[in-house]
């Protein structure tokens, strides 16, 4: 069942990407950056030590990885578009 959900999500992602193109990726990237900025602001309000700080650090690492992934996806998309124009 999980595999079916993942395939459906991937299919929807590909469909939205084809229909909306760069706008779709821009919205995803902007949303991700805004979410990271929100967590960075929250991180500054946390006490120096404790479980809250550890959770905040882990959240920042996760969001940084998600941003890295999104940028990689965007680069891959741009490469595919460039190759499609050449052929």
Protein backbone atom coordinates (compact mmCIF):
# COMPACT_ATOMS: atom_id res chain seq x y z
CA UNK A 1 0.00 0.00 0.00
CA UNK A 2 2.84 2.40 0.80
CA UNK A 3 4.40 1.72 -2.60
CA UNK A 4 1.09 2.56 -4.30
CA UNK A 5 0.84 5.82 -2.36
CA UNK A 6 4.42 6.71 -3.30
CA UNK A 7 3.77 5.94 -6.98
CA UNK A 8 0.59 8.02 -6.93
CA UNK A 9 2.44 10.92 -5.28
CA UNK A 10 5.22 10.67 -7.84
CA UNK A 11 2.71 10.57 -10.69
CA UNK A 12 0.97 13.65 -9.33
CA UNK A 13 4.30 15.43 -8.91
CA UNK A 14 5.31 14.63 -12.50
CA UNK A 15 1.91 15.68 -13.80
CA UNK A 16 2.01 19.02 -11.96
CA UNK A 17 5.57 19.56 -13.12
CA UNK A 18 4.59 19.00 -16.76
CA UNK A 19 1.50 21.19 -16.57
CA UNK A 20 2.92 24.06 -14.53
CA UNK A 21 6.62 23.77 -15.41
CA UNK A 22 8.98 26.24 -13.78
CA UNK A 23 6.15 27.87 -11.83
CA UNK A 24 5.58 24.62 -9.93
CA UNK A 25 9.24 24.31 -9.01
CA UNK A 26 9.45 27.98 -8.05
CA UNK A 27 6.46 27.65 -5.71
CA UNK A 28 8.00 24.56 -4.10
CA UNK A 29 11.36 26.28 -3.68
CA UNK A 30 9.87 29.48 -2.28
CA UNK A 31 7.70 27.51 0.15
CA UNK A 32 10.66 25.50 1.33
CA UNK A 33 12.84 28.58 1.84
CA UNK A 34 10.01 30.33 3.73
CA UNK A 35 9.59 27.29 5.97
CA UNK A 36 13.33 27.18 6.67
CA UNK A 37 13.33 30.90 7.48
CA UNK A 38 10.46 30.36 9.93
CA UNK A 39 12.36 27.59 11.69
CA UNK A 40 15.51 29.70 11.85
CA UNK A 41 13.52 32.48 13.57
CA UNK A 42 12.06 29.94 16.01
CA UNK A 43 15.53 28.52 16.59
CA UNK A 44 16.76 31.92 17.78
CA UNK A 45 14.03 32.01 20.44
CA UNK A 46 14.88 28.63 21.98
CA UNK A 47 16.94 28.21 25.14
CA UNK A 48 20.61 27.40 24.61
CA UNK A 49 20.47 23.82 25.84
CA UNK A 50 17.90 21.10 26.17
CA UNK A 51 15.66 18.87 24.12
CA UNK A 52 14.07 21.84 22.34
CA UNK A 53 17.41 22.98 20.98
CA UNK A 54 18.28 19.47 19.79
CA UNK A 55 14.93 19.18 18.02
CA UNK A 56 15.44 22.57 16.41
CA UNK A 57 18.90 21.62 15.17
CA UNK A 58 17.59 18.36 13.73
CA UNK A 59 14.74 20.26 12.04
CA UNK A 60 17.21 22.72 10.52
CA UNK A 61 19.34 19.86 9.22
CA UNK A 62 16.26 18.22 7.72
CA UNK A 63 15.14 21.44 6.03
CA UNK A 64 18.64 22.06 4.70
CA UNK A 65 18.62 18.57 3.19
CA UNK A 66 15.17 19.16 1.69
CA UNK A 67 16.37 22.42 0.18
CA UNK A 68 19.44 20.69 -1.22
CA UNK A 69 17.21 17.99 -2.71
CA UNK A 70 14.90 20.61 -4.25
CA UNK A 71 17.85 22.43 -5.81
CA UNK A 72 19.13 19.14 -7.20
CA UNK A 73 15.72 18.40 -8.68
CA UNK A 74 15.62 21.85 -10.23
CA UNK A 75 19.09 21.37 -11.74
CA UNK A 76 18.06 17.99 -13.14
CA UNK A 77 14.90 19.52 -14.60
CA UNK A 78 16.93 22.31 -16.23
CA UNK A 79 19.33 19.75 -17.73
CA UNK A 80 16.45 17.74 -19.18
CA UNK A 81 14.96 20.90 -20.73
CA UNK A 82 18.35 21.87 -22.19
CA UNK A 83 18.85 18.41 -23.69
CA UNK A 84 15.32 18.41 -25.11
CA UNK A 85 16.02 21.73 -26.90
CA UNK A 86 19.25 20.40 -28.39
CA UNK A 87 17.70 17.28 -29.92
